[in-house]
Amino acid sequence: MEMSREGIDLLKECLTELEQEGKLRQERDYMQHGTTSVYEHSIKVAYTSLYAVERMHLRVDRRSLVRGALLHDYFLYDWHENDKSHRLHGFFHAGAALRNAVRDYELNRIERNIIARHMFPLNLIPPHYKEAWIVCMADKFCAGSETMQPLFRRFREIW
């Protein structure tokens, strides 16, 4: 999947801003799916979201799309730890991510909605904006591929 130079520049610009303003780099310390860190996952979701927008020629707020995607899992803890508070991570991490993001960044309504609603349908309230729907779908795609990657690798080894 190859994105335009403008898309890559926007992604790099937003990533640099968010790393300088808040604690986005801390996501490198936490694993998300398989061998993928939360940081890598967030970048993949932002890239995939922007790529989809470019391929389908959708009219969206690209900056909000990228920022929301980069912050969608800004919960800043290791959900794999044996801790009762992490037991229902899938249901509650969007709220934790939003609380942390609001604390550390100035967010517009689209960015807030992306973060808050990216776990639909696990969280019952659907996204409100196109950008939030796109990130929600990109997140599912990336999570699925990250989770299945070790299985595919093992399957190739067997054959």
C-alpha atoms as a PDB file:
ATOM      1  CA  MET A   1       0.000   0.000   0.000  1.00  0.00           C
ATOM      2  CA  GLU A   2       1.601   3.194  -1.162  1.00  0.00           C
ATOM      3  CA  MET A   3       0.413   6.616  -0.110  1.00  0.00           C
ATOM      4  CA  SER A   4       0.974  10.032  -1.688  1.00  0.00           C
ATOM      5  CA  ARG A   5       3.902  12.231  -0.646  1.00  0.00           C
ATOM      6  CA  GLU A   6       1.391  14.702   0.861  1.00  0.00           C
ATOM      7  CA  GLY A   7      -0.138  11.930   2.957  1.00  0.00           C
ATOM      8  CA  ILE A   8       3.228  10.755   4.240  1.00  0.00           C
ATOM      9  CA  ASP A   9       4.237  14.339   5.034  1.00  0.00           C
ATOM     10  CA  LEU A  10       0.987  14.894   6.968  1.00  0.00           C
ATOM     11  CA  LEU A  11       1.476  11.658   8.915  1.00  0.00           C
ATOM     12  CA  LYS A  12       5.073  12.596   9.813  1.00  0.00           C
ATOM     13  CA  GLU A  13       4.054  16.131  10.785  1.00  0.00           C
ATOM     14  CA  CYS A  14       1.245  14.958  13.086  1.00  0.00           C
ATOM     15  CA  LEU A  15       3.421  12.245  14.609  1.00  0.00           C
ATOM     16  CA  THR A  16       6.200  14.742  15.373  1.00  0.00           C
ATOM     17  CA  GLU A  17       3.737  17.218  16.928  1.00  0.00           C
ATOM     18  CA  LEU A  18       2.077  14.603  19.120  1.00  0.00           C
ATOM     19  CA  GLU A  19       5.412  13.179  20.269  1.00  0.00           C
ATOM     20  CA  GLN A  20       6.613  16.642  21.282  1.00  0.00           C
ATOM     21  CA  GLU A  21       3.401  17.786  22.991  1.00  0.00           C
ATOM     22  CA  GLY A  22       2.416  14.677  24.970  1.00  0.00           C
ATOM     23  CA  LYS A  23       3.377  11.143  25.902  1.00  0.00           C
ATOM     24  CA  LEU A  24       2.813   9.367  22.578  1.00  0.00           C
ATOM     25  CA  ARG A  25       6.318   7.846  22.701  1.00  0.00           C
ATOM     26  CA  GLN A  26       5.301   5.928  25.840  1.00  0.00           C
ATOM     27  CA  GLU A  27       3.146   3.742  23.586  1.00  0.00           C
ATOM     28  CA  ARG A  28       6.403   2.104  22.450  1.00  0.00           C
ATOM     29  CA  ASP A  29       6.648   0.483  25.893  1.00  0.00           C
ATOM     30  CA  TYR A  30       3.350  -1.407  25.579  1.00  0.00           C
ATOM     31  CA  MET A  31       2.448  -4.326  23.341  1.00  0.00           C
ATOM     32  CA  GLN A  32      -0.815  -4.266  21.436  1.00  0.00           C
ATOM     33  CA  HIS A  33      -1.318  -7.355  19.235  1.00  0.00           C
ATOM     34  CA  GLY A  34       1.232 -10.132  18.716  1.00  0.00           C
ATOM     35  CA  THR A  35       4.643  -8.493  18.435  1.00  0.00           C
ATOM     36  CA  THR A  36       3.276  -5.053  17.521  1.00  0.00           C
ATOM     37  CA  SER A  37       3.594  -2.197  20.014  1.00  0.00           C
ATOM     38  CA  VAL A  38       0.722   0.217  20.631  1.00  0.00           C
ATOM     39  CA  TYR A  39       2.887   2.890  18.979  1.00  0.00           C
ATOM     40  CA  GLU A  40       3.409   0.824  15.801  1.00  0.00           C
ATOM     41  CA  HIS A  41      -0.263  -0.154  15.754  1.00  0.00           C
ATOM     42  CA  SER A  42      -1.348   3.493  16.010  1.00  0.00           C
ATOM     43  CA  ILE A  43       0.895   4.468  13.097  1.00  0.00           C
ATOM     44  CA  LYS A  44      -0.438   1.562  11.023  1.00  0.00           C
ATOM     45  CA  VAL A  45      -4.027   2.615  11.738  1.00  0.00           C
ATOM     46  CA  ALA A  46      -3.266   6.231  10.783  1.00  0.00           C
ATOM     47  CA  TYR A  47      -1.507   5.125   7.583  1.00  0.00           C
ATOM     48  CA  THR A  48      -4.294   2.688   6.642  1.00  0.00           C
ATOM     49  CA  SER A  49      -6.982   5.312   7.313  1.00  0.00           C
ATOM     50  CA  LEU A  50      -5.254   7.934   5.187  1.00  0.00           C
ATOM     51  CA  TYR A  51      -4.519   5.394   2.453  1.00  0.00           C
ATOM     52  CA  ALA A  52      -8.221   4.444   2.298  1.00  0.00           C
ATOM     53  CA  VAL A  53      -9.226   8.113   2.077  1.00  0.00           C
ATOM     54  CA  GLU A  54      -6.796   8.673  -0.803  1.00  0.00           C
ATOM     55  CA  ARG A  55      -7.816   5.526  -2.687  1.00  0.00           C
ATOM     56  CA  MET A  56     -11.534   6.271  -2.386  1.00  0.00           C
ATOM     57  CA  HIS A  57     -11.125  10.036  -2.944  1.00  0.00           C
ATOM     58  CA  LEU A  58     -13.106  10.817   0.209  1.00  0.00           C
ATOM     59  CA  ARG A  59     -13.593  14.369   1.406  1.00  0.00           C
ATOM     60  CA  VAL A  60     -12.610  14.382   5.080  1.00  0.00           C
ATOM     61  CA  ASP A  61     -10.601  16.428   7.550  1.00  0.00           C
ATOM     62  CA  ARG A  62      -7.336  14.574   6.961  1.00  0.00           C
ATOM     63  CA  ARG A  63      -5.460  16.227   9.800  1.00  0.00           C
ATOM     64  CA  SER A  64      -8.154  15.249  12.327  1.00  0.00           C
ATOM     65  CA  LEU A  65      -8.275  11.754  10.822  1.00  0.00           C
ATOM     66  CA  VAL A  66      -4.523  11.260  11.312  1.00  0.00           C
ATOM     67  CA  ARG A  67      -4.371  12.824  14.783  1.00  0.00           C
ATOM     68  CA  GLY A  68      -7.371  10.806  15.972  1.00  0.00           C
ATOM     69  CA  ALA A  69      -5.921   7.605  14.550  1.00  0.00           C
ATOM     70  CA  LEU A  70      -2.544   8.217  16.207  1.00  0.00           C
ATOM     71  CA  LEU A  71      -4.279   8.811  19.565  1.00  0.00           C
ATOM     72  CA  HIS A  72      -7.038   6.193  19.352  1.00  0.00           C
ATOM     73  CA  ASP A  73      -5.215   3.800  21.734  1.00  0.00           C
ATOM     74  CA  TYR A  74      -3.589   6.425  23.970  1.00  0.00           C
ATOM     75  CA  PHE A  75      -4.472   4.477  27.142  1.00  0.00           C
ATOM     76  CA  LEU A  76      -0.805   4.281  28.302  1.00  0.00           C
ATOM     77  CA  TYR A  77      -0.788   0.992  30.217  1.00  0.00           C
ATOM     78  CA  ASP A  78       0.050  -2.650  29.530  1.00  0.00           C
ATOM     79  CA  TRP A  79      -3.304  -4.345  29.150  1.00  0.00           C
ATOM     80  CA  HIS A  80      -1.613  -7.770  29.149  1.00  0.00           C
ATOM     81  CA  GLU A  81      -0.632  -7.454  32.834  1.00  0.00           C
ATOM     82  CA  ASN A  82      -2.525  -9.657  35.252  1.00  0.00           C
ATOM     83  CA  ASP A  83      -4.503  -6.800  36.781  1.00  0.00           C
ATOM     84  CA  LYS A  84      -8.252  -6.769  37.486  1.00  0.00           C
ATOM     85  CA  SER A  85      -8.548  -3.264  36.023  1.00  0.00           C
ATOM     86  CA  HIS A  86      -7.418  -4.595  32.612  1.00  0.00           C
ATOM     87  CA  ARG A  87      -9.863  -7.492  32.525  1.00  0.00           C
ATOM     88  CA  LEU A  88     -12.389  -5.674  30.332  1.00  0.00           C
ATOM     89  CA  HIS A  89      -9.824  -3.672  28.375  1.00  0.00           C
ATOM     90  CA  GLY A  90     -11.718  -3.986  25.080  1.00  0.00           C
ATOM     91  CA  PHE A  91     -14.762  -2.298  26.591  1.00  0.00           C
ATOM     92  CA  PHE A  92     -13.047   0.481  28.528  1.00  0.00           C
ATOM     93  CA  HIS A  93      -9.752   1.471  26.879  1.00  0.00           C
ATOM     94  CA  ALA A  94     -11.354   3.966  24.482  1.00  0.00           C
ATOM     95  CA  GLY A  95     -12.527   5.988  27.501  1.00  0.00           C
ATOM     96  CA  ALA A  96      -9.062   5.803  29.098  1.00  0.00           C
ATOM     97  CA  ALA A  97      -7.454   6.855  25.807  1.00  0.00           C
ATOM     98  CA  LEU A  98      -9.818   9.824  25.493  1.00  0.00           C
ATOM     99  CA  ARG A  99      -9.205  10.953  29.093  1.00  0.00           C
ATOM    100  CA  ASN A 100      -5.428  10.822  28.560  1.00  0.00           C
ATOM    101  CA  ALA A 101      -5.594  12.533  25.168  1.00  0.00           C
ATOM    102  CA  VAL A 102      -7.811  15.373  26.463  1.00  0.00           C
ATOM    103  CA  ARG A 103      -5.389  15.840  29.371  1.00  0.00           C
ATOM    104  CA  ASP A 104      -2.320  16.037  27.088  1.00  0.00           C
ATOM    105  CA  TYR A 105      -3.597  17.612  23.837  1.00  0.00           C
ATOM    106  CA  GLU A 106      -6.009  20.162  22.386  1.00  0.00           C
ATOM    107  CA  LEU A 107      -8.539  18.011  20.504  1.00  0.00           C
ATOM    108  CA  ASN A 108     -11.372  18.980  18.194  1.00  0.00           C
ATOM    109  CA  ARG A 109     -14.745  17.202  18.122  1.00  0.00           C
ATOM    110  CA  ILE A 110     -13.738  14.864  15.276  1.00  0.00           C
ATOM    111  CA  GLU A 111     -10.549  13.738  17.035  1.00  0.00           C
ATOM    112  CA  ARG A 112     -12.495  13.153  20.274  1.00  0.00           C
ATOM    113  CA  ASN A 113     -15.122  11.117  18.440  1.00  0.00           C
ATOM    114  CA  ILE A 114     -12.468   9.001  16.705  1.00  0.00           C
ATOM    115  CA  ILE A 115     -10.867   8.095  20.026  1.00  0.00           C
ATOM    116  CA  ALA A 116     -14.133   7.572  21.913  1.00  0.00           C
ATOM    117  CA  ARG A 117     -15.891   5.474  19.246  1.00  0.00           C
ATOM    118  CA  HIS A 118     -13.128   3.409  17.619  1.00  0.00           C
ATOM    119  CA  MET A 119     -14.234   0.240  19.445  1.00  0.00           C
ATOM    120  CA  PHE A 120     -17.718   0.124  17.905  1.00  0.00           C
ATOM    121  CA  PRO A 121     -19.555  -2.293  18.008  1.00  0.00           C
ATOM    122  CA  LEU A 122     -17.889  -3.523  21.225  1.00  0.00           C
ATOM    123  CA  ASN A 123     -18.768  -0.095  22.598  1.00  0.00           C
ATOM    124  CA  LEU A 124     -22.418   0.361  21.667  1.00  0.00           C
ATOM    125  CA  ILE A 125     -22.478   3.987  20.493  1.00  0.00           C
ATOM    126  CA  PRO A 126     -21.415   4.243  16.827  1.00  0.00           C
ATOM    127  CA  PRO A 127     -19.024   6.859  15.430  1.00  0.00           C
ATOM    128  CA  HIS A 128     -20.592  10.164  14.393  1.00  0.00           C
ATOM    129  CA  TYR A 129     -18.133  11.445  11.753  1.00  0.00           C
ATOM    130  CA  LYS A 130     -16.827   9.889   8.525  1.00  0.00           C
ATOM    131  CA  GLU A 131     -13.309  10.180   9.910  1.00  0.00           C
ATOM    132  CA  ALA A 132     -14.274   8.165  12.994  1.00  0.00           C
ATOM    133  CA  TRP A 133     -15.893   5.436  10.875  1.00  0.00           C
ATOM    134  CA  ILE A 134     -12.758   5.196   8.733  1.00  0.00           C
ATOM    135  CA  VAL A 135     -10.449   4.866  11.754  1.00  0.00           C
ATOM    136  CA  CYS A 136     -12.822   2.330  13.325  1.00  0.00           C
ATOM    137  CA  MET A 137     -12.601   0.128  10.215  1.00  0.00           C
ATOM    138  CA  ALA A 138      -8.842   0.640   9.790  1.00  0.00           C
ATOM    139  CA  ASP A 139      -8.332  -0.338  13.425  1.00  0.00           C
ATOM    140  CA  LYS A 140     -10.223  -3.614  12.901  1.00  0.00           C
ATOM    141  CA  PHE A 141      -8.214  -4.366   9.758  1.00  0.00           C
ATOM    142  CA  CYS A 142      -4.852  -3.644  11.412  1.00  0.00           C
ATOM    143  CA  ALA A 143      -5.715  -5.495  14.633  1.00  0.00           C
ATOM    144  CA  GLY A 144      -6.788  -8.536  12.635  1.00  0.00           C
ATOM    145  CA  SER A 145      -3.635  -8.624  10.544  1.00  0.00           C
ATOM    146  CA  GLU A 146      -1.390  -8.072  13.596  1.00  0.00           C
ATOM    147  CA  THR A 147      -3.147 -10.851  15.506  1.00  0.00           C
ATOM    148  CA  MET A 148      -3.060 -13.315  12.612  1.00  0.00           C
ATOM    149  CA  GLN A 149       0.496 -12.554  11.459  1.00  0.00           C
ATOM    150  CA  PRO A 150       2.191 -15.029  13.854  1.00  0.00           C
ATOM    151  CA  LEU A 151      -0.245 -17.744  12.764  1.00  0.00           C
ATOM    152  CA  PHE A 152       0.476 -17.092   9.074  1.00  0.00           C
ATOM    153  CA  ARG A 153       4.213 -17.114   9.779  1.00  0.00           C
ATOM    154  CA  ARG A 154       3.898 -20.473  11.555  1.00  0.00           C
ATOM    155  CA  PHE A 155       1.769 -21.874   8.737  1.00  0.00           C
ATOM    156  CA  ARG A 156       4.463 -20.903   6.186  1.00  0.00           C
ATOM    157  CA  GLU A 157       7.132 -22.610   8.306  1.00  0.00           C
ATOM    158  CA  ILE A 158       5.140 -25.852   8.375  1.00  0.00           C
ATOM    159  CA  TRP A 159       4.674 -25.887   4.593  1.00  0.00           C
END
